[in-house]
Amino acid sequence: MIAWNDNEERASALPGVRILDLSRVLAGPFATMMLADLGAEVIKIERPGAGDDTRAWGPPYDASGRSTYFDAVNRNKRSVALDLASPAGLAQAKALAAQADVLVENFRPGLLDGLGLGYDTLRALNPGLIYCSITGFGRSEQAAALPGYDLLVQALGGLMSVTGDPDGEPQKVGVALVDVLAGLFATVGILAALNHRRDGGQGQLVEVDLLSSLLAALVNQASSYTVAGVVPGRMGNEHPSIAPYAVFPTADGELVLAVGTDRQFQALCTVLGAPGLARDPRFQTNPDRVANRDELRAALVGSLAAESADAWASRLIDARVPAGVVNDIGAAFELARGLGLNPLVDLQDERGFNVRLPRNPIALSATPPTYRSAPGDLPQPGPAAGTQPPVSGG
């Protein structure tokens, strides 16, 4: 019999909070890992014999043979193999839900209702339950037919239309960003519901979908359409409203300039040895620079050709001009380490192998995130191994 841990006590932001994780892939597991880092107890239900889909998403793999994709979002959890399509597995899941504070799921809309694990059924069993449902496109009949994969949402949600070179094909972002955003929105919703439950003990339904998460996260690109009726397009690394704000070639390597104020532009021109650019009527204000971005870029490229990206970045940062080189991921972690941000945590899995992961970026002075367990191996099957219905959204 699977049971919650009644004896675990520790200083954390979410002591005693029990989360039943029925989600797979990225958005849901990311949310439950964030909450686990903050102290919640998380039991993760996985398919017998296969587990979370991401266990098979490799290479690369860690020293224990697990995919690093699975590792990325499944620390601080206890995995359990249950077949939700079997009577025994379903009964065990209901027993866990009856004592849980939060349930997170990302099945295709309607499937858990048919199994007796939907919100209305479990709310009657556990009125204080916070039930977080993550879908790709909502719960309508039309939405349920659409598979909730991050790449598809990036395309349908407009993100690819503003990503990439204007003369090239639409590009996806280099990470499953929509899933991460939806996971963060789900985390915020769950925390808000937990706070609401403090007065009266009432749970509620929290719903997050990938498409709405992306539309909300398009921020200024979205408001250019919703407020001004302007449909943005692909601009490569240029910014629609700020210049210079892009990647520039130098004598050696690429340099990023993120010049957001007139003062910064004047300082940039001084460092480049071209103070006259700041007095040029075409470039004196940001709207001027945006209107004449092609001429400005040509002038900057000519000046930047004199030195390397590293040399320019050092001089510009000294002048308080936002600038930097384009790091790969390894160099990015080294930068964070050099800045004293301590970006990594080391955990030992049940076989004794080290699993090194990015730390939780939230710093709390009294109840900081904790790292109690590494992602684990797929457990032995629980009651009545079999198949489990397909996942949707994240």
Protein backbone atom coordinates (compact mmCIF):
# COMPACT_ATOMS: atom_id res chain seq x y z
CA MET A 1 0.00 0.00 0.00
CA ILE A 2 1.33 3.41 -0.98
CA ALA A 3 1.04 6.03 1.74
CA TRP A 4 1.94 9.63 2.40
CA ASN A 5 4.75 10.38 4.82
CA ASP A 6 3.18 11.49 8.10
CA ASN A 7 6.46 11.96 9.96
CA GLU A 8 8.43 14.23 7.66
CA GLU A 9 9.01 17.63 9.23
CA ARG A 10 11.44 20.22 7.95
CA ALA A 11 11.78 23.97 7.70
CA SER A 12 10.36 24.84 4.30
CA ALA A 13 7.93 27.16 2.57
CA LEU A 14 5.40 24.35 1.98
CA PRO A 15 5.69 22.02 5.00
CA GLY A 16 3.14 19.21 5.04
CA VAL A 17 1.77 19.95 1.56
CA ARG A 18 1.04 16.72 -0.28
CA ILE A 19 1.02 16.71 -4.08
CA LEU A 20 -0.18 13.82 -6.22
CA ASP A 21 1.55 14.18 -9.58
CA LEU A 22 -0.33 12.50 -12.42
CA SER A 23 1.45 14.58 -15.05
CA ARG A 24 4.12 13.62 -17.55
CA VAL A 25 6.63 15.18 -19.94
CA LEU A 26 7.43 18.80 -18.98
CA ALA A 27 4.86 21.42 -17.92
CA GLY A 28 3.27 19.43 -15.09
CA PRO A 29 6.48 17.80 -13.83
CA PHE A 30 8.21 21.19 -13.91
CA ALA A 31 5.46 22.67 -11.70
CA THR A 32 5.52 19.80 -9.23
CA MET A 33 9.32 19.93 -9.02
CA MET A 34 9.19 23.65 -8.22
CA LEU A 35 6.74 22.90 -5.41
CA ALA A 36 8.82 19.94 -4.23
CA ASP A 37 11.90 22.16 -4.05
CA LEU A 38 9.89 24.46 -1.79
CA GLY A 39 9.17 21.60 0.59
CA ALA A 40 6.06 19.83 -0.66
CA GLU A 41 5.90 16.04 -0.62
CA VAL A 42 5.33 14.78 -4.17
CA ILE A 43 4.24 11.29 -5.18
CA LYS A 44 4.62 10.84 -8.93
CA ILE A 45 2.46 8.22 -10.62
CA GLU A 46 4.14 6.55 -13.59
CA ARG A 47 3.08 3.92 -16.11
CA PRO A 48 4.21 0.41 -15.19
CA GLY A 49 6.93 -0.85 -17.49
CA ALA A 50 7.49 2.49 -19.24
CA GLY A 51 7.20 5.38 -16.83
CA ASP A 52 7.09 9.03 -17.76
CA ASP A 53 7.43 9.52 -21.53
CA THR A 54 10.66 11.47 -21.03
CA ARG A 55 12.46 8.45 -19.56
CA ALA A 56 12.83 7.32 -23.18
CA TRP A 57 13.84 10.73 -24.55
CA GLY A 58 17.57 10.26 -24.98
CA PRO A 59 20.45 10.50 -25.52
CA PRO A 60 22.03 11.99 -23.49
CA TYR A 61 21.74 9.85 -20.36
CA ASP A 62 23.08 10.14 -16.84
CA ALA A 63 25.43 7.64 -15.18
CA SER A 64 22.47 5.47 -14.14
CA GLY A 65 21.10 5.31 -17.67
CA ARG A 66 18.18 7.68 -17.16
CA SER A 67 17.55 10.35 -19.78
CA THR A 68 18.79 13.75 -18.75
CA TYR A 69 15.43 15.11 -19.97
CA PHE A 70 13.68 13.15 -17.20
CA ASP A 71 16.30 14.26 -14.69
CA ALA A 72 15.65 17.91 -15.49
CA VAL A 73 12.18 18.05 -13.90
CA ASN A 74 11.85 15.12 -11.49
CA ARG A 75 14.05 15.64 -8.43
CA ASN A 76 12.56 15.61 -4.92
CA LYS A 77 9.77 13.19 -5.94
CA ARG A 78 8.82 9.62 -5.03
CA SER A 79 7.83 7.67 -8.12
CA VAL A 80 5.19 4.94 -7.95
CA ALA A 81 4.15 2.60 -10.78
CA LEU A 82 0.35 2.40 -11.02
CA ASP A 83 -1.91 1.35 -13.86
CA LEU A 84 -4.78 3.82 -13.73
CA ALA A 85 -6.80 1.69 -16.13
CA SER A 86 -6.90 -1.22 -13.62
CA PRO A 87 -9.35 -1.38 -10.69
CA ALA A 88 -6.53 -1.88 -8.18
CA GLY A 89 -4.42 0.97 -9.55
CA LEU A 90 -7.42 3.26 -9.74
CA ALA A 91 -8.39 2.49 -6.15
CA GLN A 92 -4.87 3.27 -4.96
CA ALA A 93 -4.82 6.58 -6.88
CA LYS A 94 -8.16 7.55 -5.34
CA ALA A 95 -6.88 6.73 -1.86
CA LEU A 96 -3.86 8.97 -2.41
CA ALA A 97 -6.05 11.77 -3.81
CA ALA A 98 -8.33 11.55 -0.78
CA GLN A 99 -5.43 12.64 1.44
CA ALA A 100 -3.66 14.97 -0.99
CA ASP A 101 -3.64 18.75 -0.88
CA VAL A 102 -2.91 19.14 -4.59
CA LEU A 103 -3.36 16.97 -7.67
CA VAL A 104 -1.67 17.87 -10.96
CA GLU A 105 -2.66 16.18 -14.22
CA ASN A 106 -2.22 16.71 -17.94
CA PHE A 107 -4.33 14.00 -19.53
CA ARG A 108 -6.42 14.66 -22.60
CA PRO A 109 -9.60 16.46 -21.49
CA GLY A 110 -12.30 14.07 -20.34
CA LEU A 111 -10.14 10.97 -19.85
CA LEU A 112 -9.75 11.21 -16.09
CA ASP A 113 -13.46 12.00 -15.73
CA GLY A 114 -14.18 8.69 -17.44
CA LEU A 115 -11.86 6.88 -15.03
CA GLY A 116 -13.44 8.41 -11.95
CA LEU A 117 -10.46 10.68 -11.26
CA GLY A 118 -11.99 13.92 -12.54
CA TYR A 119 -12.32 17.08 -10.50
CA ASP A 120 -16.00 16.70 -9.58
CA THR A 121 -15.53 13.13 -8.37
CA LEU A 122 -12.44 13.85 -6.30
CA ARG A 123 -13.83 17.11 -4.91
CA ALA A 124 -16.70 15.13 -3.40
CA LEU A 125 -14.14 12.76 -1.90
CA ASN A 126 -11.77 15.53 -0.73
CA PRO A 127 -13.37 19.03 -0.59
CA GLY A 128 -10.03 20.65 0.20
CA LEU A 129 -8.30 19.27 -2.88
CA ILE A 130 -6.67 21.73 -5.26
CA TYR A 131 -6.95 20.09 -8.67
CA CYS A 132 -4.61 21.53 -11.31
CA SER A 133 -5.39 20.54 -14.88
CA ILE A 134 -2.90 21.40 -17.63
CA THR A 135 -4.09 21.06 -21.21
CA GLY A 136 -2.76 22.04 -24.60
CA PHE A 137 -5.66 24.18 -25.78
CA GLY A 138 -8.38 24.11 -23.12
CA ARG A 139 -11.28 21.75 -22.52
CA SER A 140 -13.66 22.35 -25.45
CA GLU A 141 -14.44 19.46 -27.80
CA GLN A 142 -12.45 21.10 -30.58
CA ALA A 143 -9.50 21.76 -28.26
CA ALA A 144 -9.43 18.18 -26.99
CA ALA A 145 -8.67 16.95 -30.51
CA LEU A 146 -5.44 18.97 -30.72
CA PRO A 147 -2.27 17.32 -29.35
CA GLY A 148 -0.58 19.56 -26.78
CA TYR A 149 3.04 19.47 -27.90
CA ASP A 150 5.26 22.48 -27.30
CA LEU A 151 6.42 22.78 -30.93
CA LEU A 152 2.83 22.74 -32.17
CA VAL A 153 1.82 25.44 -29.70
CA GLN A 154 4.83 27.57 -30.65
CA ALA A 155 3.57 27.39 -34.24
CA LEU A 156 -0.15 27.85 -33.66
CA GLY A 157 0.39 30.42 -30.90
CA GLY A 158 2.43 32.81 -33.04
CA LEU A 159 5.81 32.45 -31.33
CA MET A 160 7.45 30.99 -34.43
CA SER A 161 6.10 33.87 -36.52
CA VAL A 162 8.27 36.31 -34.55
CA THR A 163 11.31 34.02 -34.16
CA GLY A 164 14.00 33.63 -36.79
CA ASP A 165 15.43 35.53 -39.74
CA PRO A 166 12.88 37.54 -41.76
CA ASP A 167 14.09 35.89 -44.96
CA GLY A 168 14.27 32.38 -43.51
CA GLU A 169 11.75 29.86 -42.26
CA PRO A 170 9.93 30.31 -38.95
CA GLN A 171 12.01 29.05 -36.03
CA LYS A 172 11.14 27.45 -32.72
CA VAL A 173 12.83 28.60 -29.54
CA GLY A 174 15.74 26.34 -28.59
CA VAL A 175 13.98 24.90 -25.53
CA ALA A 176 10.36 23.82 -24.88
CA LEU A 177 9.62 27.30 -23.59
CA VAL A 178 5.82 27.08 -23.70
CA ASP A 179 5.84 24.03 -21.44
CA VAL A 180 8.08 25.85 -18.98
CA LEU A 181 5.84 28.92 -19.02
CA ALA A 182 2.73 26.80 -18.47
CA GLY A 183 4.48 25.03 -15.60
CA LEU A 184 5.29 28.36 -13.99
CA PHE A 185 1.71 29.61 -14.44
CA ALA A 186 0.45 26.35 -12.94
CA THR A 187 2.78 26.80 -9.96
CA VAL A 188 1.47 30.33 -9.36
CA GLY A 189 -2.13 29.12 -9.61
CA ILE A 190 -1.53 26.30 -7.15
CA LEU A 191 0.16 28.61 -4.64
CA ALA A 192 -2.72 31.09 -4.94
CA ALA A 193 -5.24 28.28 -4.36
CA LEU A 194 -3.29 27.03 -1.34
CA ASN A 195 -3.37 30.54 0.13
CA HIS A 196 -7.13 30.81 -0.53
CA ARG A 197 -7.71 27.45 1.16
CA ARG A 198 -6.30 28.80 4.42
CA ASP A 199 -9.64 30.56 4.98
CA GLY A 200 -12.24 27.83 5.22
CA GLY A 201 -10.30 24.90 3.78
CA GLN A 202 -11.97 25.03 0.38
CA GLY A 203 -10.12 23.59 -2.58
CA GLN A 204 -10.69 24.58 -6.18
CA LEU A 205 -9.98 23.78 -9.80
CA VAL A 206 -6.87 25.39 -11.32
CA GLU A 207 -6.78 25.28 -15.12
CA VAL A 208 -3.82 26.23 -17.30
CA ASP A 209 -3.45 25.65 -21.03
CA LEU A 210 -0.35 25.96 -23.17
CA LEU A 211 -1.87 28.26 -25.78
CA SER A 212 -3.14 30.82 -23.26
CA SER A 213 0.18 30.65 -21.42
CA LEU A 214 2.03 31.51 -24.60
CA LEU A 215 -0.33 34.33 -25.58
CA ALA A 216 0.05 35.88 -22.13
CA ALA A 217 3.84 35.53 -22.33
CA LEU A 218 4.07 37.28 -25.71
CA VAL A 219 3.78 40.55 -23.70
CA ASN A 220 4.76 43.51 -25.94
CA GLN A 221 4.47 41.45 -29.12
CA ALA A 222 0.91 40.56 -28.15
CA SER A 223 -0.06 44.09 -27.09
CA SER A 224 1.22 45.52 -30.37
CA TYR A 225 -1.61 43.51 -31.93
CA THR A 226 -4.28 43.73 -29.24
CA VAL A 227 -3.82 47.47 -28.62
CA ALA A 228 -2.51 48.87 -31.91
CA GLY A 229 -3.62 46.25 -34.44
CA VAL A 230 -0.02 45.66 -35.57
CA VAL A 231 0.83 42.05 -36.39
CA PRO A 232 4.56 41.58 -35.61
CA GLY A 233 6.81 39.55 -37.87
CA ARG A 234 10.21 37.93 -37.76
CA MET A 235 13.09 40.35 -37.27
CA GLY A 236 15.97 38.01 -36.55
CA ASN A 237 17.77 39.35 -33.50
CA GLU A 238 16.46 42.89 -33.92
CA HIS A 239 13.93 44.37 -31.49
CA PRO A 240 10.72 45.92 -32.87
CA SER A 241 10.83 48.90 -30.51
CA ILE A 242 14.47 49.40 -29.44
CA ALA A 243 17.70 50.04 -31.36
CA PRO A 244 20.49 49.05 -31.19
CA TYR A 245 19.26 45.85 -29.58
CA ALA A 246 20.72 42.94 -31.54
CA VAL A 247 23.75 40.77 -32.33
CA PHE A 248 26.63 42.41 -34.19
CA PRO A 249 29.74 40.95 -35.86
CA THR A 250 33.15 42.07 -34.64
CA ALA A 251 36.76 41.35 -35.60
CA ASP A 252 36.41 38.07 -33.68
CA GLY A 253 33.06 36.72 -32.49
CA GLU A 254 29.58 38.16 -32.07
CA LEU A 255 28.64 40.94 -29.67
CA VAL A 256 25.20 41.55 -28.20
CA LEU A 257 24.17 45.16 -27.65
CA ALA A 258 21.04 45.87 -25.61
CA VAL A 259 20.97 49.67 -25.62
CA GLY A 260 17.72 50.80 -24.03
CA THR A 261 18.35 54.49 -23.24
CA ASP A 262 19.80 57.55 -24.93
CA ARG A 263 22.51 57.76 -22.26
CA GLN A 264 23.60 54.23 -23.02
CA PHE A 265 23.71 55.03 -26.73
CA GLN A 266 25.87 58.09 -26.12
CA ALA A 267 28.24 56.01 -23.99
CA LEU A 268 28.36 53.34 -26.71
CA CYS A 269 29.36 55.90 -29.32
CA THR A 270 32.08 57.29 -27.02
CA VAL A 271 33.57 53.82 -26.43
CA LEU A 272 33.49 53.12 -30.17
CA GLY A 273 35.34 56.34 -30.84
CA ALA A 274 32.42 57.68 -32.85
CA PRO A 275 30.78 60.35 -30.66
CA GLY A 276 29.34 62.00 -33.75
CA LEU A 277 26.86 59.14 -34.14
CA ALA A 278 25.10 60.24 -30.96
CA ARG A 279 24.65 63.74 -32.40
CA ASP A 280 23.40 62.53 -35.78
CA PRO A 281 19.73 63.58 -36.12
CA ARG A 282 18.91 60.08 -37.36
CA PHE A 283 20.08 58.49 -34.10
CA GLN A 284 19.55 61.02 -31.29
CA THR A 285 16.50 59.34 -29.74
CA ASN A 286 15.31 55.76 -29.61
CA PRO A 287 12.41 56.37 -32.05
CA ASP A 288 14.96 57.95 -34.42
CA ARG A 289 17.20 54.93 -34.12
CA VAL A 290 14.33 52.50 -34.68
CA ALA A 291 13.26 54.41 -37.81
CA ASN A 292 16.82 54.34 -39.16
CA ARG A 293 17.97 50.99 -37.82
CA ASP A 294 19.58 49.84 -41.10
CA GLU A 295 21.80 52.92 -41.35
CA LEU A 296 22.63 52.67 -37.65
CA ARG A 297 23.56 49.00 -37.95
CA ALA A 298 25.89 49.70 -40.87
CA ALA A 299 27.68 52.42 -38.89
CA LEU A 300 28.05 50.22 -35.80
CA VAL A 301 29.28 47.20 -37.75
CA GLY A 302 32.00 49.36 -39.30
CA SER A 303 33.22 50.55 -35.90
CA LEU A 304 32.97 47.15 -34.20
CA ALA A 305 35.19 45.53 -36.83
CA ALA A 306 38.22 47.08 -35.14
CA GLU A 307 38.29 44.73 -32.11
CA SER A 308 37.03 41.40 -30.80
CA ALA A 309 33.70 40.79 -29.10
CA ASP A 310 35.45 40.04 -25.79
CA ALA A 311 37.40 43.30 -25.92
CA TRP A 312 34.34 45.37 -26.78
CA ALA A 313 32.22 43.69 -24.11
CA SER A 314 34.77 44.48 -21.41
CA ARG A 315 35.06 48.13 -22.38
CA LEU A 316 31.32 48.62 -22.82
CA ILE A 317 30.43 47.03 -19.50
CA ASP A 318 32.91 49.37 -17.82
CA ALA A 319 30.99 52.24 -19.45
CA ARG A 320 27.67 50.79 -18.18
CA VAL A 321 26.50 49.85 -21.65
CA PRO A 322 24.59 46.52 -21.72
CA ALA A 323 26.80 44.29 -23.86
CA GLY A 324 28.12 40.74 -23.90
CA VAL A 325 29.33 37.84 -25.98
CA VAL A 326 27.14 34.93 -27.07
CA ASN A 327 27.92 32.08 -24.66
CA ASP A 328 27.17 28.43 -25.15
CA ILE A 329 25.38 26.69 -22.28
CA GLY A 330 28.61 25.53 -20.66
CA ALA A 331 30.02 29.04 -20.69
CA ALA A 332 26.73 30.36 -19.30
CA PHE A 333 27.02 28.10 -16.25
CA GLU A 334 30.64 29.14 -15.81
CA LEU A 335 29.57 32.79 -15.91
CA ALA A 336 26.98 32.16 -13.21
CA ARG A 337 29.56 30.32 -11.14
CA GLY A 338 32.03 33.19 -11.52
CA LEU A 339 29.37 35.65 -10.38
CA GLY A 340 28.82 33.66 -7.18
CA LEU A 341 25.34 32.49 -8.15
CA ASN A 342 26.08 28.81 -7.33
CA PRO A 343 24.02 27.57 -10.30
CA LEU A 344 24.39 23.81 -9.69
CA VAL A 345 23.31 21.24 -7.13
CA ASP A 346 24.70 17.71 -6.77
CA LEU A 347 22.44 14.84 -5.73
CA GLN A 348 23.10 11.13 -5.33
CA ASP A 349 20.60 8.70 -6.79
CA GLU A 350 19.69 5.35 -5.21
CA ARG A 351 22.58 3.65 -7.01
CA GLY A 352 25.10 6.13 -5.63
CA PHE A 353 25.69 7.99 -8.88
CA ASN A 354 25.94 11.78 -8.90
CA VAL A 355 23.25 13.77 -10.70
CA ARG A 356 24.20 17.41 -11.23
CA LEU A 357 21.28 19.73 -11.94
CA PRO A 358 20.56 23.47 -12.19
CA ARG A 359 19.47 24.80 -8.83
CA ASN A 360 16.09 26.37 -8.18
CA PRO A 361 16.51 30.10 -8.92
CA ILE A 362 14.25 31.19 -6.03
CA ALA A 363 16.20 32.44 -2.99
CA LEU A 364 14.26 32.58 0.29
CA SER A 365 16.05 33.83 3.38
CA ALA A 366 14.04 31.81 5.91
CA THR A 367 12.79 28.78 3.96
CA PRO A 368 15.11 28.23 0.99
CA PRO A 369 14.55 25.46 -1.56
CA THR A 370 15.94 22.09 -0.56
CA TYR A 371 17.33 19.23 -2.62
CA ARG A 372 16.44 15.99 -0.88
CA SER A 373 16.51 13.33 -3.57
CA ALA A 374 17.73 12.80 -7.11
CA PRO A 375 15.41 11.63 -9.89
CA GLY A 376 14.93 7.91 -9.43
CA ASP A 377 14.71 4.76 -11.50
CA LEU A 378 11.38 3.49 -12.73
CA PRO A 379 9.89 1.58 -9.78
CA GLN A 380 8.60 -1.96 -9.97
CA PRO A 381 4.99 -2.19 -11.13
CA GLY A 382 2.30 -1.65 -8.54
CA PRO A 383 -1.21 -3.11 -8.74
CA ALA A 384 -2.21 -4.65 -12.06
CA ALA A 385 0.34 -3.39 -14.56
CA GLY A 386 -1.05 -2.32 -17.90
CA THR A 387 -1.48 0.68 -20.10
CA GLN A 388 -2.38 4.25 -19.23
CA PRO A 389 -4.35 6.75 -21.31
CA PRO A 390 -2.46 9.29 -23.42
CA VAL A 391 -1.16 12.58 -22.13
CA SER A 392 -2.03 16.09 -23.30
CA GLY A 393 -0.39 19.44 -22.74
CA GLY A 394 3.07 19.60 -21.28
